[in-house]
Amino acid sequence: MPDFAIKGRDGEPLIPIDSHVRLAHADQNNGVKMLRRGYNYADGSDGLGHLDAGLFFIAFVKDPRTHYVPMQMTMAKSDKLALEYLKHTGSGLFAVPPGIKAGGFIGEGLFA
């Protein structure tokens, strides 16, 4: 767990205010948590030597409106890593039904 209160000799936070890890952390987002994971990929290069590589990002959240969008809006304005190095090329939003109880069926909880 990062300690955002620790400061360096210069009095500045060791984890910068505009760092990706700080901006995405639940402490900076009203305690909202998400399960997230990045997957790197590299599909080689084209005939001109342009590398086709990047990161697939997946996040599981209870409600995208309250658990993802506010954090993403903050990061879009302040995250220097994202502003300089990331290029958004697509997105998707999918409903994932809860697990299955013995004798149940996929999506049963959605019809209760």
N, C-alpha and C. Protein backbone atom coordinates (compact mmCIF):
# COMPACT_ATOMS: atom_id res chain seq x y z
N MET A 1 0.85 -1.17 0.00
CA MET A 1 0.00 0.00 0.00
C MET A 1 0.90 1.23 0.00
N PRO A 2 0.76 2.10 -0.97
CA PRO A 2 1.61 3.29 -1.02
C PRO A 2 1.32 4.25 0.13
N ASP A 3 2.37 4.87 0.62
CA ASP A 3 2.22 5.90 1.66
C ASP A 3 2.40 7.26 1.00
N PHE A 4 1.28 7.91 0.71
CA PHE A 4 1.30 9.18 -0.01
C PHE A 4 1.77 10.34 0.86
N ALA A 5 1.89 10.13 2.18
CA ALA A 5 2.29 11.21 3.08
C ALA A 5 3.80 11.38 3.16
N ILE A 6 4.58 10.38 2.76
CA ILE A 6 6.04 10.46 2.87
C ILE A 6 6.57 11.54 1.93
N LYS A 7 7.44 12.38 2.49
CA LYS A 7 8.04 13.46 1.69
C LYS A 7 9.55 13.29 1.63
N GLY A 8 10.13 13.80 0.57
CA GLY A 8 11.57 13.75 0.39
C GLY A 8 12.25 14.89 1.14
N ARG A 9 13.56 14.97 1.00
CA ARG A 9 14.33 16.02 1.67
C ARG A 9 13.91 17.42 1.24
N ASP A 10 13.39 17.52 0.02
CA ASP A 10 12.96 18.82 -0.48
C ASP A 10 11.55 19.20 -0.01
N GLY A 11 10.91 18.31 0.76
CA GLY A 11 9.57 18.59 1.27
C GLY A 11 8.46 18.19 0.32
N GLU A 12 8.83 17.75 -0.87
CA GLU A 12 7.83 17.33 -1.86
C GLU A 12 7.48 15.86 -1.63
N PRO A 13 6.25 15.45 -1.94
CA PRO A 13 5.88 14.04 -1.79
C PRO A 13 6.77 13.14 -2.65
N LEU A 14 7.18 11.99 -2.09
CA LEU A 14 7.98 11.05 -2.86
C LEU A 14 7.16 10.46 -4.01
N ILE A 15 5.86 10.31 -3.79
CA ILE A 15 4.96 9.90 -4.87
C ILE A 15 4.29 11.18 -5.36
N PRO A 16 4.67 11.68 -6.52
CA PRO A 16 4.18 12.97 -6.99
C PRO A 16 2.65 13.07 -7.04
N ILE A 17 2.15 14.27 -6.83
CA ILE A 17 0.71 14.55 -6.83
C ILE A 17 0.06 14.12 -8.14
N ASP A 18 0.77 14.27 -9.25
CA ASP A 18 0.20 13.95 -10.56
C ASP A 18 0.64 12.58 -11.08
N SER A 19 1.12 11.70 -10.18
CA SER A 19 1.57 10.38 -10.61
C SER A 19 0.38 9.46 -10.88
N HIS A 20 0.59 8.53 -11.79
CA HIS A 20 -0.44 7.57 -12.16
C HIS A 20 -0.92 6.78 -10.94
N VAL A 21 0.03 6.29 -10.13
CA VAL A 21 -0.33 5.46 -8.98
C VAL A 21 -1.16 6.24 -7.96
N ARG A 22 -0.87 7.52 -7.76
CA ARG A 22 -1.64 8.33 -6.80
C ARG A 22 -3.03 8.63 -7.36
N LEU A 23 -3.10 9.06 -8.60
CA LEU A 23 -4.38 9.46 -9.19
C LEU A 23 -5.36 8.29 -9.30
N ALA A 24 -4.84 7.08 -9.50
CA ALA A 24 -5.71 5.91 -9.66
C ALA A 24 -6.05 5.22 -8.34
N HIS A 25 -5.38 5.59 -7.27
CA HIS A 25 -5.55 4.91 -5.99
C HIS A 25 -6.90 5.24 -5.35
N ALA A 26 -7.46 4.26 -4.64
CA ALA A 26 -8.76 4.43 -3.98
C ALA A 26 -8.76 5.60 -3.01
N ASP A 27 -7.63 5.87 -2.34
CA ASP A 27 -7.55 6.99 -1.40
C ASP A 27 -7.83 8.33 -2.08
N GLN A 28 -7.57 8.42 -3.35
CA GLN A 28 -7.78 9.67 -4.10
C GLN A 28 -9.12 9.68 -4.84
N ASN A 29 -9.90 8.60 -4.69
CA ASN A 29 -11.15 8.45 -5.44
C ASN A 29 -12.31 8.05 -4.53
N ASN A 30 -12.41 8.73 -3.39
CA ASN A 30 -13.50 8.49 -2.44
C ASN A 30 -13.61 7.03 -2.01
N GLY A 31 -12.49 6.34 -1.95
CA GLY A 31 -12.47 4.95 -1.49
C GLY A 31 -12.94 3.94 -2.52
N VAL A 32 -13.29 4.40 -3.71
CA VAL A 32 -13.78 3.50 -4.75
C VAL A 32 -12.65 2.58 -5.21
N LYS A 33 -12.92 1.28 -5.20
CA LYS A 33 -11.91 0.30 -5.60
C LYS A 33 -12.33 -0.41 -6.87
N MET A 34 -11.35 -0.90 -7.57
CA MET A 34 -11.61 -1.70 -8.77
C MET A 34 -10.53 -2.77 -8.87
N LEU A 35 -10.89 -3.86 -9.51
CA LEU A 35 -9.92 -4.89 -9.84
C LEU A 35 -9.47 -4.60 -11.26
N ARG A 36 -8.19 -4.33 -11.44
CA ARG A 36 -7.71 -3.93 -12.76
C ARG A 36 -6.43 -4.67 -13.10
N ARG A 37 -6.20 -4.77 -14.39
CA ARG A 37 -5.01 -5.48 -14.86
C ARG A 37 -4.65 -5.00 -16.25
N GLY A 38 -3.38 -4.86 -16.50
CA GLY A 38 -2.89 -4.54 -17.83
C GLY A 38 -2.21 -5.75 -18.44
N TYR A 39 -2.38 -5.93 -19.73
CA TYR A 39 -1.73 -7.02 -20.46
C TYR A 39 -0.95 -6.43 -21.62
N ASN A 40 0.36 -6.60 -21.60
CA ASN A 40 1.20 -6.12 -22.69
C ASN A 40 1.05 -7.01 -23.91
N TYR A 41 1.19 -6.41 -25.07
CA TYR A 41 1.22 -7.19 -26.31
C TYR A 41 2.22 -6.57 -27.27
N ALA A 42 2.77 -7.41 -28.12
CA ALA A 42 3.67 -6.97 -29.19
C ALA A 42 3.42 -7.89 -30.38
N ASP A 43 2.89 -7.31 -31.45
CA ASP A 43 2.54 -8.09 -32.64
C ASP A 43 3.51 -7.85 -33.79
N GLY A 44 4.75 -7.54 -33.46
CA GLY A 44 5.76 -7.34 -34.50
C GLY A 44 5.67 -5.96 -35.11
N SER A 45 6.20 -5.84 -36.32
CA SER A 45 6.20 -4.54 -36.99
C SER A 45 5.70 -4.69 -38.42
N ASP A 46 5.30 -3.55 -38.99
CA ASP A 46 4.86 -3.56 -40.38
C ASP A 46 6.07 -3.43 -41.30
N GLY A 47 5.86 -3.34 -42.59
CA GLY A 47 6.95 -3.25 -43.55
C GLY A 47 7.79 -2.00 -43.42
N LEU A 48 7.27 -0.98 -42.72
CA LEU A 48 8.01 0.27 -42.53
C LEU A 48 8.75 0.32 -41.20
N GLY A 49 8.66 -0.74 -40.43
CA GLY A 49 9.36 -0.78 -39.15
C GLY A 49 8.58 -0.21 -37.99
N HIS A 50 7.29 0.09 -38.17
CA HIS A 50 6.47 0.59 -37.07
C HIS A 50 6.06 -0.58 -36.18
N LEU A 51 6.38 -0.49 -34.91
CA LEU A 51 6.07 -1.54 -33.96
C LEU A 51 4.60 -1.51 -33.59
N ASP A 52 3.95 -2.66 -33.65
CA ASP A 52 2.57 -2.80 -33.19
C ASP A 52 2.61 -3.40 -31.80
N ALA A 53 2.62 -2.55 -30.80
CA ALA A 53 2.71 -3.00 -29.42
C ALA A 53 1.89 -2.07 -28.55
N GLY A 54 1.51 -2.58 -27.39
CA GLY A 54 0.73 -1.73 -26.50
C GLY A 54 0.30 -2.46 -25.25
N LEU A 55 -0.79 -1.99 -24.68
CA LEU A 55 -1.30 -2.51 -23.42
C LEU A 55 -2.81 -2.64 -23.52
N PHE A 56 -3.30 -3.85 -23.26
CA PHE A 56 -4.73 -4.04 -23.08
C PHE A 56 -5.00 -3.81 -21.60
N PHE A 57 -5.97 -2.99 -21.28
CA PHE A 57 -6.31 -2.68 -19.90
C PHE A 57 -7.71 -3.20 -19.63
N ILE A 58 -7.86 -3.92 -18.52
CA ILE A 58 -9.18 -4.42 -18.14
C ILE A 58 -9.44 -4.04 -16.69
N ALA A 59 -10.66 -3.61 -16.40
CA ALA A 59 -11.04 -3.25 -15.04
C ALA A 59 -12.41 -3.82 -14.74
N PHE A 60 -12.53 -4.45 -13.59
CA PHE A 60 -13.82 -4.95 -13.12
C PHE A 60 -14.31 -4.00 -12.04
N VAL A 61 -15.48 -3.41 -12.26
CA VAL A 61 -16.04 -2.44 -11.31
C VAL A 61 -17.52 -2.74 -11.09
N LYS A 62 -18.02 -2.26 -9.97
CA LYS A 62 -19.43 -2.46 -9.65
C LYS A 62 -20.32 -1.62 -10.56
N ASP A 63 -19.96 -0.36 -10.74
CA ASP A 63 -20.75 0.56 -11.58
C ASP A 63 -19.77 1.51 -12.26
N PRO A 64 -19.62 1.44 -13.57
CA PRO A 64 -18.65 2.29 -14.27
C PRO A 64 -18.86 3.79 -14.01
N ARG A 65 -20.11 4.20 -13.81
CA ARG A 65 -20.39 5.63 -13.59
C ARG A 65 -19.78 6.15 -12.30
N THR A 66 -19.71 5.30 -11.28
CA THR A 66 -19.18 5.74 -9.99
C THR A 66 -17.81 5.16 -9.67
N HIS A 67 -17.45 4.06 -10.29
CA HIS A 67 -16.21 3.36 -9.94
C HIS A 67 -15.11 3.49 -10.98
N TYR A 68 -15.41 3.99 -12.15
CA TYR A 68 -14.36 4.11 -13.16
C TYR A 68 -14.30 5.51 -13.79
N VAL A 69 -15.42 6.01 -14.25
CA VAL A 69 -15.44 7.28 -14.98
C VAL A 69 -14.83 8.43 -14.19
N PRO A 70 -15.18 8.64 -12.90
CA PRO A 70 -14.56 9.77 -12.18
C PRO A 70 -13.04 9.68 -12.11
N MET A 71 -12.51 8.47 -11.86
CA MET A 71 -11.06 8.30 -11.81
C MET A 71 -10.44 8.56 -13.17
N GLN A 72 -11.07 8.06 -14.22
CA GLN A 72 -10.54 8.25 -15.57
C GLN A 72 -10.54 9.72 -15.96
N MET A 73 -11.57 10.46 -15.56
CA MET A 73 -11.63 11.90 -15.87
C MET A 73 -10.49 12.65 -15.18
N THR A 74 -10.22 12.30 -13.92
CA THR A 74 -9.11 12.93 -13.20
C THR A 74 -7.79 12.60 -13.87
N MET A 75 -7.60 11.35 -14.24
CA MET A 75 -6.35 10.94 -14.88
C MET A 75 -6.19 11.60 -16.25
N ALA A 76 -7.28 11.77 -16.97
CA ALA A 76 -7.21 12.39 -18.30
C ALA A 76 -6.72 13.83 -18.22
N LYS A 77 -6.97 14.50 -17.10
CA LYS A 77 -6.55 15.89 -16.92
C LYS A 77 -5.17 16.02 -16.30
N SER A 78 -4.78 15.05 -15.45
CA SER A 78 -3.61 15.26 -14.61
C SER A 78 -2.49 14.24 -14.73
N ASP A 79 -2.75 13.07 -15.28
CA ASP A 79 -1.75 12.00 -15.30
C ASP A 79 -0.74 12.22 -16.42
N LYS A 80 0.46 12.66 -16.05
CA LYS A 80 1.48 12.95 -17.06
C LYS A 80 1.87 11.71 -17.86
N LEU A 81 1.88 10.54 -17.22
CA LEU A 81 2.21 9.30 -17.92
C LEU A 81 1.21 9.07 -19.05
N ALA A 82 -0.06 9.18 -18.74
CA ALA A 82 -1.10 8.95 -19.75
C ALA A 82 -1.07 10.02 -20.82
N LEU A 83 -0.88 11.26 -20.43
CA LEU A 83 -0.91 12.36 -21.39
C LEU A 83 0.23 12.27 -22.39
N GLU A 84 1.39 11.80 -21.94
CA GLU A 84 2.56 11.77 -22.81
C GLU A 84 2.72 10.47 -23.59
N TYR A 85 2.39 9.35 -22.96
CA TYR A 85 2.75 8.06 -23.57
C TYR A 85 1.58 7.21 -24.07
N LEU A 86 0.38 7.48 -23.64
CA LEU A 86 -0.73 6.61 -24.00
C LEU A 86 -1.58 7.19 -25.12
N LYS A 87 -2.03 6.31 -25.98
CA LYS A 87 -2.93 6.68 -27.06
C LYS A 87 -4.12 5.74 -27.00
N HIS A 88 -5.28 6.28 -26.72
CA HIS A 88 -6.49 5.48 -26.61
C HIS A 88 -6.98 5.13 -28.00
N THR A 89 -7.22 3.85 -28.25
CA THR A 89 -7.67 3.44 -29.59
C THR A 89 -9.01 2.73 -29.59
N GLY A 90 -9.54 2.39 -28.44
CA GLY A 90 -10.83 1.72 -28.42
C GLY A 90 -11.23 1.35 -27.01
N SER A 91 -12.50 1.03 -26.84
CA SER A 91 -12.98 0.62 -25.52
C SER A 91 -14.24 -0.21 -25.66
N GLY A 92 -14.60 -0.86 -24.60
CA GLY A 92 -15.82 -1.65 -24.56
C GLY A 92 -16.31 -1.73 -23.13
N LEU A 93 -17.58 -1.93 -22.97
CA LEU A 93 -18.19 -2.06 -21.65
C LEU A 93 -19.06 -3.31 -21.68
N PHE A 94 -18.81 -4.22 -20.76
CA PHE A 94 -19.49 -5.50 -20.76
C PHE A 94 -20.05 -5.80 -19.38
N ALA A 95 -21.24 -6.36 -19.33
CA ALA A 95 -21.83 -6.83 -18.07
C ALA A 95 -21.34 -8.25 -17.83
N VAL A 96 -20.85 -8.50 -16.63
CA VAL A 96 -20.37 -9.83 -16.27
C VAL A 96 -21.27 -10.32 -15.14
N PRO A 97 -22.08 -11.35 -15.40
CA PRO A 97 -22.97 -11.83 -14.34
C PRO A 97 -22.18 -12.46 -13.21
N PRO A 98 -22.80 -12.52 -12.01
CA PRO A 98 -22.12 -13.13 -10.87
C PRO A 98 -21.94 -14.63 -11.07
N GLY A 99 -21.19 -15.23 -10.15
CA GLY A 99 -20.94 -16.67 -10.22
C GLY A 99 -22.22 -17.49 -10.10
N ILE A 100 -22.08 -18.78 -10.29
CA ILE A 100 -23.22 -19.68 -10.30
C ILE A 100 -23.24 -20.51 -9.02
N LYS A 101 -24.39 -20.55 -8.36
CA LYS A 101 -24.56 -21.41 -7.19
C LYS A 101 -24.89 -22.82 -7.68
N ALA A 102 -24.68 -23.80 -6.81
CA ALA A 102 -25.01 -25.19 -7.16
C ALA A 102 -26.47 -25.26 -7.60
N GLY A 103 -26.71 -25.86 -8.75
CA GLY A 103 -28.06 -26.00 -9.27
C GLY A 103 -28.58 -24.77 -10.00
N GLY A 104 -27.78 -23.71 -10.05
CA GLY A 104 -28.19 -22.47 -10.71
C GLY A 104 -27.75 -22.43 -12.16
N PHE A 105 -27.95 -21.27 -12.78
CA PHE A 105 -27.54 -21.10 -14.17
C PHE A 105 -26.91 -19.73 -14.37
N ILE A 106 -26.14 -19.58 -15.43
CA ILE A 106 -25.46 -18.32 -15.73
C ILE A 106 -26.49 -17.21 -15.88
N GLY A 107 -26.28 -16.12 -15.16
CA GLY A 107 -27.17 -14.96 -15.26
C GLY A 107 -28.40 -15.04 -14.38
N GLU A 108 -28.53 -16.09 -13.60
CA GLU A 108 -29.72 -16.26 -12.76
C GLU A 108 -29.96 -15.05 -11.85
N GLY A 109 -28.87 -14.51 -11.30
CA GLY A 109 -29.00 -13.36 -10.41
C GLY A 109 -29.53 -12.12 -11.10
N LEU A 110 -29.40 -12.05 -12.41
CA LEU A 110 -29.89 -10.89 -13.16
C LEU A 110 -31.41 -10.91 -13.29
N PHE A 111 -32.03 -12.08 -13.08
CA PHE A 111 -33.47 -12.21 -13.25
C PHE A 111 -34.22 -12.31 -11.93
N ALA A 112 -33.53 -12.15 -10.82
CA ALA A 112 -34.17 -12.28 -9.50
C ALA A 112 -35.04 -11.07 -9.19
